[in-house]
Amino acid sequence: VNNALRGGKVFADFKPGFTDGIRCDTEGNVWCGWGWGGVDTNGVRVHAPNGDLLAFLHTPEVVANLCFGGTKRNRLFMTGSTSIYALYVNAVGAALS
C-alpha cells in the first residue's frame, strides 16, 4: 500500500561498525563488507538467512564492497581502502540473471 515497506525487523546488529556492500550465495547467506568501528571490525561478515552470524573474515582494512567471481563463482573479491583482496571460499555466489 502506498509503496511503503511494512512489518520490517532487524536482520543483524552491526555495531560498533557498519556494513557496506552485500552479496548473497546460493544458500541464501548474506555476505557483508564491514568496518569503520575499529581495526577488529574490518572484514567480511557472513550471515545465515535468519540473521545469525556464521563467519567473520578479518582483513587489514575496511571492506567497502565485495563480489563473487571466477568460473565457479567461488572466489570472493573484496575492495579495501587501498587494496583489492581475493579468496577462494566454500560457497557459490548467487547468479545474476
N, C-alpha and C. Protein backbone atom coordinates (compact mmCIF):
# COMPACT_ATOMS: atom_id res chain seq x y z
N VAL A 1 0.84 -1.16 0.00
CA VAL A 1 0.00 0.00 0.00
C VAL A 1 0.89 1.23 0.00
N ASN A 2 0.64 2.16 -0.86
CA ASN A 2 1.40 3.41 -0.95
C ASN A 2 2.90 3.18 -1.12
N ASN A 3 3.29 2.02 -1.68
CA ASN A 3 4.70 1.70 -1.91
C ASN A 3 5.55 1.80 -0.66
N ALA A 4 5.00 1.55 0.51
CA ALA A 4 5.73 1.64 1.78
C ALA A 4 6.09 0.24 2.27
N LEU A 5 7.28 0.12 2.84
CA LEU A 5 7.68 -1.13 3.47
C LEU A 5 7.00 -1.24 4.81
N ARG A 6 6.56 -2.45 5.16
CA ARG A 6 5.86 -2.65 6.43
C ARG A 6 6.32 -3.96 7.07
N GLY A 7 6.18 -4.02 8.40
CA GLY A 7 6.48 -5.25 9.12
C GLY A 7 7.95 -5.61 9.15
N GLY A 8 8.82 -4.62 9.01
CA GLY A 8 10.25 -4.89 9.00
C GLY A 8 10.78 -5.27 10.36
N LYS A 9 11.96 -5.90 10.36
CA LYS A 9 12.63 -6.23 11.61
C LYS A 9 14.13 -6.15 11.38
N VAL A 10 14.88 -6.07 12.44
CA VAL A 10 16.34 -6.00 12.36
C VAL A 10 16.86 -7.36 11.89
N PHE A 11 17.66 -7.36 10.84
CA PHE A 11 18.27 -8.59 10.32
C PHE A 11 19.48 -8.97 11.15
N ALA A 12 20.37 -8.01 11.40
CA ALA A 12 21.58 -8.25 12.18
C ALA A 12 22.07 -6.92 12.73
N ASP A 13 22.72 -6.96 13.88
CA ASP A 13 23.27 -5.76 14.51
C ASP A 13 24.74 -5.65 14.14
N PHE A 14 25.12 -4.56 13.51
CA PHE A 14 26.49 -4.39 13.05
C PHE A 14 27.32 -3.46 13.93
N LYS A 15 26.79 -3.05 15.06
CA LYS A 15 27.55 -2.16 15.94
C LYS A 15 28.75 -2.90 16.50
N PRO A 16 29.90 -2.28 16.64
CA PRO A 16 30.14 -0.85 16.62
C PRO A 16 30.42 -0.29 15.23
N GLY A 17 30.59 -1.11 14.22
CA GLY A 17 30.84 -0.60 12.88
C GLY A 17 29.56 -0.57 12.08
N PHE A 18 29.72 -0.59 10.75
CA PHE A 18 28.55 -0.73 9.90
C PHE A 18 28.96 -1.40 8.61
N THR A 19 27.96 -1.86 7.87
CA THR A 19 28.21 -2.65 6.68
C THR A 19 28.10 -1.81 5.41
N ASP A 20 28.78 -2.27 4.38
CA ASP A 20 28.73 -1.61 3.08
C ASP A 20 29.00 -2.67 2.03
N GLY A 21 28.15 -2.80 1.08
CA GLY A 21 28.31 -3.80 0.03
C GLY A 21 27.87 -5.16 0.51
N ILE A 22 26.82 -5.70 -0.07
CA ILE A 22 26.36 -7.03 0.32
C ILE A 22 26.14 -7.89 -0.92
N ARG A 23 26.34 -9.18 -0.75
CA ARG A 23 26.08 -10.17 -1.79
C ARG A 23 25.49 -11.41 -1.12
N CYS A 24 24.78 -12.21 -1.89
CA CYS A 24 24.21 -13.46 -1.38
C CYS A 24 24.84 -14.64 -2.10
N ASP A 25 24.90 -15.78 -1.39
CA ASP A 25 25.36 -17.01 -2.02
C ASP A 25 24.14 -17.87 -2.35
N THR A 26 24.39 -19.02 -2.96
CA THR A 26 23.29 -19.88 -3.41
C THR A 26 22.52 -20.52 -2.26
N GLU A 27 23.06 -20.47 -1.04
CA GLU A 27 22.36 -20.99 0.13
C GLU A 27 21.52 -19.92 0.82
N GLY A 28 21.54 -18.71 0.28
CA GLY A 28 20.78 -17.61 0.87
C GLY A 28 21.51 -16.85 1.96
N ASN A 29 22.78 -17.19 2.18
CA ASN A 29 23.58 -16.46 3.17
C ASN A 29 23.94 -15.09 2.64
N VAL A 30 24.06 -14.13 3.53
CA VAL A 30 24.35 -12.74 3.17
C VAL A 30 25.79 -12.42 3.57
N TRP A 31 26.59 -12.01 2.60
CA TRP A 31 28.00 -11.66 2.80
C TRP A 31 28.09 -10.13 2.80
N CYS A 32 28.62 -9.54 3.87
CA CYS A 32 28.62 -8.09 4.05
C CYS A 32 30.04 -7.58 4.27
N GLY A 33 30.44 -6.57 3.49
CA GLY A 33 31.66 -5.84 3.83
C GLY A 33 31.40 -5.08 5.12
N TRP A 34 32.41 -4.99 5.99
CA TRP A 34 32.17 -4.42 7.32
C TRP A 34 33.39 -3.67 7.80
N GLY A 35 33.17 -2.68 8.66
CA GLY A 35 34.27 -1.93 9.25
C GLY A 35 33.80 -0.63 9.86
N TRP A 36 34.73 0.31 9.93
CA TRP A 36 34.50 1.65 10.46
C TRP A 36 34.18 1.66 11.95
N GLY A 37 34.48 0.58 12.65
CA GLY A 37 34.24 0.53 14.08
C GLY A 37 35.51 0.20 14.85
N GLY A 38 36.66 0.29 14.19
CA GLY A 38 37.94 -0.09 14.78
C GLY A 38 38.55 -1.24 13.99
N VAL A 39 39.83 -1.48 14.18
CA VAL A 39 40.53 -2.48 13.37
C VAL A 39 39.96 -3.89 13.54
N ASP A 40 39.35 -4.18 14.66
CA ASP A 40 38.77 -5.51 14.88
C ASP A 40 37.50 -5.75 14.07
N THR A 41 36.93 -4.70 13.50
CA THR A 41 35.70 -4.85 12.72
C THR A 41 35.95 -4.92 11.22
N ASN A 42 37.18 -4.74 10.77
CA ASN A 42 37.46 -4.72 9.34
C ASN A 42 37.39 -6.12 8.74
N GLY A 43 36.57 -6.28 7.70
CA GLY A 43 36.48 -7.57 7.04
C GLY A 43 35.13 -7.83 6.43
N VAL A 44 34.77 -9.10 6.40
CA VAL A 44 33.51 -9.55 5.81
C VAL A 44 32.78 -10.41 6.83
N ARG A 45 31.51 -10.12 7.01
CA ARG A 45 30.67 -10.94 7.88
C ARG A 45 29.73 -11.76 7.00
N VAL A 46 29.50 -13.00 7.40
CA VAL A 46 28.59 -13.89 6.68
C VAL A 46 27.44 -14.24 7.62
N HIS A 47 26.22 -13.93 7.18
CA HIS A 47 25.03 -14.17 7.99
C HIS A 47 24.12 -15.19 7.31
N ALA A 48 23.54 -16.08 8.11
CA ALA A 48 22.54 -17.02 7.62
C ALA A 48 21.28 -16.25 7.24
N PRO A 49 20.38 -16.88 6.48
CA PRO A 49 19.14 -16.19 6.10
C PRO A 49 18.33 -15.66 7.28
N ASN A 50 18.50 -16.25 8.46
CA ASN A 50 17.76 -15.77 9.64
C ASN A 50 18.50 -14.67 10.39
N GLY A 51 19.69 -14.28 9.91
CA GLY A 51 20.47 -13.22 10.53
C GLY A 51 21.58 -13.68 11.44
N ASP A 52 21.63 -14.98 11.78
CA ASP A 52 22.70 -15.48 12.65
C ASP A 52 24.06 -15.30 11.98
N LEU A 53 25.06 -14.90 12.76
CA LEU A 53 26.42 -14.74 12.25
C LEU A 53 27.04 -16.12 12.07
N LEU A 54 27.48 -16.43 10.84
CA LEU A 54 28.11 -17.71 10.53
C LEU A 54 29.63 -17.62 10.53
N ALA A 55 30.16 -16.50 10.05
CA ALA A 55 31.61 -16.38 9.91
C ALA A 55 32.01 -14.91 9.84
N PHE A 56 33.27 -14.67 10.18
CA PHE A 56 33.87 -13.35 10.02
C PHE A 56 35.24 -13.54 9.40
N LEU A 57 35.47 -12.90 8.27
CA LEU A 57 36.77 -12.92 7.60
C LEU A 57 37.46 -11.60 7.88
N HIS A 58 38.50 -11.63 8.68
CA HIS A 58 39.20 -10.40 9.07
C HIS A 58 40.14 -9.96 7.96
N THR A 59 40.16 -8.66 7.67
CA THR A 59 41.10 -8.07 6.72
C THR A 59 41.82 -6.91 7.40
N PRO A 60 42.97 -6.51 6.84
CA PRO A 60 43.71 -5.42 7.47
C PRO A 60 43.09 -4.04 7.30
N GLU A 61 42.05 -3.93 6.48
CA GLU A 61 41.40 -2.64 6.27
C GLU A 61 39.91 -2.84 6.03
N VAL A 62 39.17 -1.76 6.04
CA VAL A 62 37.72 -1.78 5.82
C VAL A 62 37.42 -2.41 4.46
N VAL A 63 36.38 -3.22 4.39
CA VAL A 63 35.90 -3.77 3.12
C VAL A 63 34.65 -3.01 2.72
N ALA A 64 34.77 -2.24 1.64
CA ALA A 64 33.66 -1.40 1.19
C ALA A 64 32.73 -2.11 0.22
N ASN A 65 33.26 -3.08 -0.52
CA ASN A 65 32.42 -3.79 -1.48
C ASN A 65 33.00 -5.17 -1.71
N LEU A 66 32.19 -6.05 -2.24
CA LEU A 66 32.63 -7.42 -2.50
C LEU A 66 31.77 -8.03 -3.59
N CYS A 67 32.30 -9.08 -4.22
CA CYS A 67 31.54 -9.83 -5.22
C CYS A 67 32.12 -11.22 -5.35
N PHE A 68 31.30 -12.14 -5.83
CA PHE A 68 31.76 -13.48 -6.14
C PHE A 68 32.16 -13.50 -7.60
N GLY A 69 33.23 -14.23 -7.92
CA GLY A 69 33.68 -14.31 -9.29
C GLY A 69 34.34 -15.64 -9.56
N GLY A 70 35.01 -15.72 -10.70
CA GLY A 70 35.64 -16.95 -11.13
C GLY A 70 34.64 -17.83 -11.87
N THR A 71 35.15 -18.86 -12.52
CA THR A 71 34.30 -19.73 -13.33
C THR A 71 33.27 -20.48 -12.50
N LYS A 72 33.57 -20.73 -11.22
CA LYS A 72 32.63 -21.44 -10.34
C LYS A 72 31.94 -20.50 -9.35
N ARG A 73 32.18 -19.20 -9.48
CA ARG A 73 31.61 -18.19 -8.57
C ARG A 73 31.94 -18.48 -7.11
N ASN A 74 33.12 -19.07 -6.88
CA ASN A 74 33.53 -19.40 -5.51
C ASN A 74 34.77 -18.61 -5.07
N ARG A 75 35.06 -17.56 -5.79
CA ARG A 75 36.17 -16.69 -5.41
C ARG A 75 35.57 -15.36 -4.97
N LEU A 76 35.91 -14.96 -3.75
CA LEU A 76 35.38 -13.72 -3.19
C LEU A 76 36.38 -12.60 -3.43
N PHE A 77 35.96 -11.56 -4.12
CA PHE A 77 36.78 -10.37 -4.35
C PHE A 77 36.29 -9.28 -3.41
N MET A 78 37.23 -8.63 -2.72
CA MET A 78 36.89 -7.61 -1.72
C MET A 78 37.70 -6.35 -2.00
N THR A 79 37.04 -5.20 -2.00
CA THR A 79 37.75 -3.94 -2.14
C THR A 79 37.97 -3.34 -0.76
N GLY A 80 39.24 -3.10 -0.45
CA GLY A 80 39.59 -2.45 0.80
C GLY A 80 39.82 -0.97 0.57
N SER A 81 40.27 -0.29 1.59
CA SER A 81 40.52 1.15 1.49
C SER A 81 41.59 1.46 0.45
N THR A 82 42.63 0.62 0.39
CA THR A 82 43.73 0.87 -0.54
C THR A 82 44.13 -0.37 -1.32
N SER A 83 43.41 -1.48 -1.16
CA SER A 83 43.81 -2.75 -1.76
C SER A 83 42.61 -3.52 -2.28
N ILE A 84 42.89 -4.52 -3.11
CA ILE A 84 41.88 -5.48 -3.55
C ILE A 84 42.34 -6.86 -3.09
N TYR A 85 41.43 -7.60 -2.47
CA TYR A 85 41.74 -8.93 -1.95
C TYR A 85 40.91 -9.97 -2.70
N ALA A 86 41.44 -11.19 -2.82
CA ALA A 86 40.70 -12.29 -3.43
C ALA A 86 40.96 -13.55 -2.61
N LEU A 87 39.91 -14.34 -2.43
CA LEU A 87 39.99 -15.52 -1.58
C LEU A 87 39.00 -16.55 -2.11
N TYR A 88 39.47 -17.81 -2.26
CA TYR A 88 38.54 -18.88 -2.60
C TYR A 88 37.77 -19.27 -1.35
N VAL A 89 36.46 -19.46 -1.48
CA VAL A 89 35.60 -19.77 -0.34
C VAL A 89 34.80 -21.04 -0.62
N ASN A 90 34.27 -21.64 0.42
CA ASN A 90 33.42 -22.83 0.29
C ASN A 90 31.97 -22.41 0.15
N ALA A 91 31.72 -21.54 -0.81
CA ALA A 91 30.38 -21.05 -1.11
C ALA A 91 30.35 -20.68 -2.58
N VAL A 92 29.16 -20.62 -3.13
CA VAL A 92 28.97 -20.23 -4.52
C VAL A 92 28.09 -18.99 -4.54
N GLY A 93 28.57 -17.94 -5.19
CA GLY A 93 27.80 -16.72 -5.27
C GLY A 93 26.53 -16.90 -6.08
N ALA A 94 25.47 -16.26 -5.65
CA ALA A 94 24.20 -16.31 -6.39
C ALA A 94 24.40 -15.70 -7.77
N ALA A 95 23.83 -16.34 -8.77
CA ALA A 95 23.97 -15.85 -10.14
C ALA A 95 23.10 -14.62 -10.35
N LEU A 96 23.63 -13.70 -11.12
CA LEU A 96 22.85 -12.52 -11.51
C LEU A 96 22.16 -12.85 -12.82
N SER A 97 20.86 -12.82 -12.81
CA SER A 97 20.15 -13.15 -14.05
C SER A 97 19.05 -12.17 -14.33
